[in-house]
């Protein structure tokens, strides 16, 4: 006599929720950024919600803070997978010692000062020419 094996029923809802779609992180990042912007505009008073608006009209600041919290969670959900991959890579880095870092900082400051002087010199040469033309 053959024994039938029972197959475990797979929930379609759980299957859809576990499936990762190609653009879901991009869409979540865009929506979370827009929600964050709208919530900050409501909090600052740049965006006014009419009192006659259903549900949130009476308490726009409460709604804005809830929206702010949800959008921060959405942004963290988007950034988290990238951070998980970055931490092991950070452990592999050999960081510069103090002498090498100080040397690099001094070189950058010298470079910035030289370019600033170069731009001031060009401005000093071009300014009289512009005054003559105008």
Protein backbone atom coordinates (compact mmCIF):
# COMPACT_ATOMS: atom_id res chain seq x y z
CA UNK A 1 0.00 0.00 0.00
CA UNK A 2 1.38 3.39 -1.00
CA UNK A 3 1.61 6.12 1.58
CA UNK A 4 0.80 9.64 0.46
CA UNK A 5 3.14 12.33 1.63
CA UNK A 6 1.57 15.53 2.76
CA UNK A 7 3.03 18.57 1.13
CA UNK A 8 3.42 21.60 3.32
CA UNK A 9 1.18 24.34 2.05
CA UNK A 10 3.09 27.41 1.02
CA UNK A 11 1.42 30.67 1.68
CA UNK A 12 1.31 32.88 -1.41
CA UNK A 13 1.46 35.99 0.76
CA UNK A 14 4.67 34.86 2.50
CA UNK A 15 6.14 33.84 -0.83
CA UNK A 16 5.51 37.29 -2.29
CA UNK A 17 6.89 39.01 0.81
CA UNK A 18 10.08 36.93 0.77
CA UNK A 19 10.72 37.55 -2.93
CA UNK A 20 13.24 40.29 -3.62
CA UNK A 21 12.38 42.38 -6.61
CA UNK A 22 14.91 44.17 -8.79
CA UNK A 23 13.99 47.78 -8.05
CA UNK A 24 12.40 47.53 -4.61
CA UNK A 25 15.31 49.18 -2.76
CA UNK A 26 15.40 52.06 -5.24
CA UNK A 27 11.65 52.62 -4.95
CA UNK A 28 11.83 52.41 -1.15
CA UNK A 29 14.71 54.92 -1.07
CA UNK A 30 12.80 57.37 -3.28
CA UNK A 31 9.55 57.03 -1.31
CA UNK A 32 11.32 57.27 2.05
CA UNK A 33 13.23 60.38 0.92
CA UNK A 34 10.03 62.06 -0.29
CA UNK A 35 8.22 61.14 2.93
CA UNK A 36 11.14 62.54 4.93
CA UNK A 37 11.04 65.79 2.96
CA UNK A 38 7.27 66.18 3.36
CA UNK A 39 7.42 65.43 7.08
CA UNK A 40 10.17 68.00 7.62
CA UNK A 41 8.22 70.59 5.62
CA UNK A 42 5.14 69.99 7.80
CA UNK A 43 7.22 70.18 11.00
CA UNK A 44 8.89 73.45 9.91
CA UNK A 45 5.60 74.97 8.78
CA UNK A 46 6.58 75.28 5.11
CA UNK A 47 3.78 72.88 4.20
CA UNK A 48 0.42 73.55 5.83
CA UNK A 49 -2.23 70.86 6.26
CA UNK A 50 -5.79 72.20 6.26
CA UNK A 51 -7.83 71.39 9.36
CA UNK A 52 -10.62 70.02 7.15
CA UNK A 53 -8.26 67.32 5.79
CA UNK A 54 -9.48 63.89 6.99
CA UNK A 55 -7.62 62.19 9.86
CA UNK A 56 -4.46 64.34 9.91
CA UNK A 57 -5.99 67.80 9.75
CA UNK A 58 -6.49 68.02 13.50
CA UNK A 59 -2.96 66.87 14.41
CA UNK A 60 -0.57 67.61 11.53
CA UNK A 61 2.57 67.67 13.73
CA UNK A 62 1.82 64.23 15.16
CA UNK A 63 1.31 62.92 11.64
CA UNK A 64 4.55 64.58 10.51
CA UNK A 65 6.58 62.99 13.32
CA UNK A 66 5.08 59.57 12.60
CA UNK A 67 5.85 60.01 8.90
CA UNK A 68 9.38 61.15 9.80
CA UNK A 69 9.94 58.02 11.91
CA UNK A 70 8.64 55.69 9.21
CA UNK A 71 10.77 57.34 6.52
CA UNK A 72 13.93 57.08 8.67
CA UNK A 73 13.20 53.37 9.16
CA UNK A 74 12.74 53.03 5.38
CA UNK A 75 16.08 54.72 4.68
CA UNK A 76 17.79 52.49 7.24
CA UNK A 77 16.29 49.42 5.54
CA UNK A 78 17.77 50.57 2.24
CA UNK A 79 21.21 51.38 3.65
CA UNK A 80 21.54 48.32 5.92
CA UNK A 81 22.45 45.75 3.21
CA UNK A 82 25.29 47.97 2.02
CA UNK A 83 26.62 48.53 5.53
CA UNK A 84 26.59 44.80 6.30
CA UNK A 85 28.94 44.20 3.36
CA UNK A 86 31.14 47.18 4.22
CA UNK A 87 32.09 46.26 7.81
CA UNK A 88 34.15 43.15 6.93
CA UNK A 89 35.94 45.20 4.26
CA UNK A 90 36.76 47.92 6.80
CA UNK A 91 38.51 45.32 8.96
CA UNK A 92 40.82 44.46 6.04
CA UNK A 93 42.09 48.03 5.64
CA UNK A 94 45.53 48.89 6.91
CA UNK A 95 45.21 52.41 8.21
CA UNK A 96 47.98 54.98 7.94
CA UNK A 97 50.07 55.76 10.99
CA UNK A 98 50.17 59.26 12.49
CA UNK A 99 53.31 60.36 10.60
CA UNK A 100 51.90 59.38 7.20
CA UNK A 101 48.52 60.98 7.93
CA UNK A 102 50.11 64.23 9.16
CA UNK A 103 52.31 64.32 6.06
CA UNK A 104 49.27 63.93 3.81
CA UNK A 105 47.36 66.67 5.69
CA UNK A 106 50.29 69.10 5.29
CA UNK A 107 50.53 68.33 1.56
CA UNK A 108 46.80 68.95 1.10
CA UNK A 109 46.97 72.30 2.93
CA UNK A 110 49.95 73.41 0.82
CA UNK A 111 48.12 72.38 -2.35
CA UNK A 112 44.97 74.29 -1.32
CA UNK A 113 46.96 77.42 -0.45
CA UNK A 114 48.82 77.31 -3.78
CA UNK A 115 45.58 76.99 -5.73
CA UNK A 116 43.99 79.80 -3.72
CA UNK A 117 46.96 82.03 -4.55
CA UNK A 118 46.71 80.99 -8.19
CA UNK A 119 43.04 82.00 -8.34
CA UNK A 120 43.75 85.30 -6.54
CA UNK A 121 46.50 86.00 -9.10
CA UNK A 122 44.20 85.23 -12.04
CA UNK A 123 41.52 87.43 -10.50
CA UNK A 124 44.02 90.27 -10.06
CA UNK A 125 45.06 89.99 -13.71
CA UNK A 126 41.54 89.71 -15.14
CA UNK A 127 39.83 92.38 -12.98
CA UNK A 128 41.52 95.37 -14.71
CA UNK A 129 40.70 93.94 -18.13
CA UNK A 130 37.03 93.54 -17.18
CA UNK A 131 36.95 97.14 -15.86
CA UNK A 132 38.35 98.40 -19.17
CA UNK A 133 35.74 96.47 -21.16
CA UNK A 134 32.79 97.64 -19.06
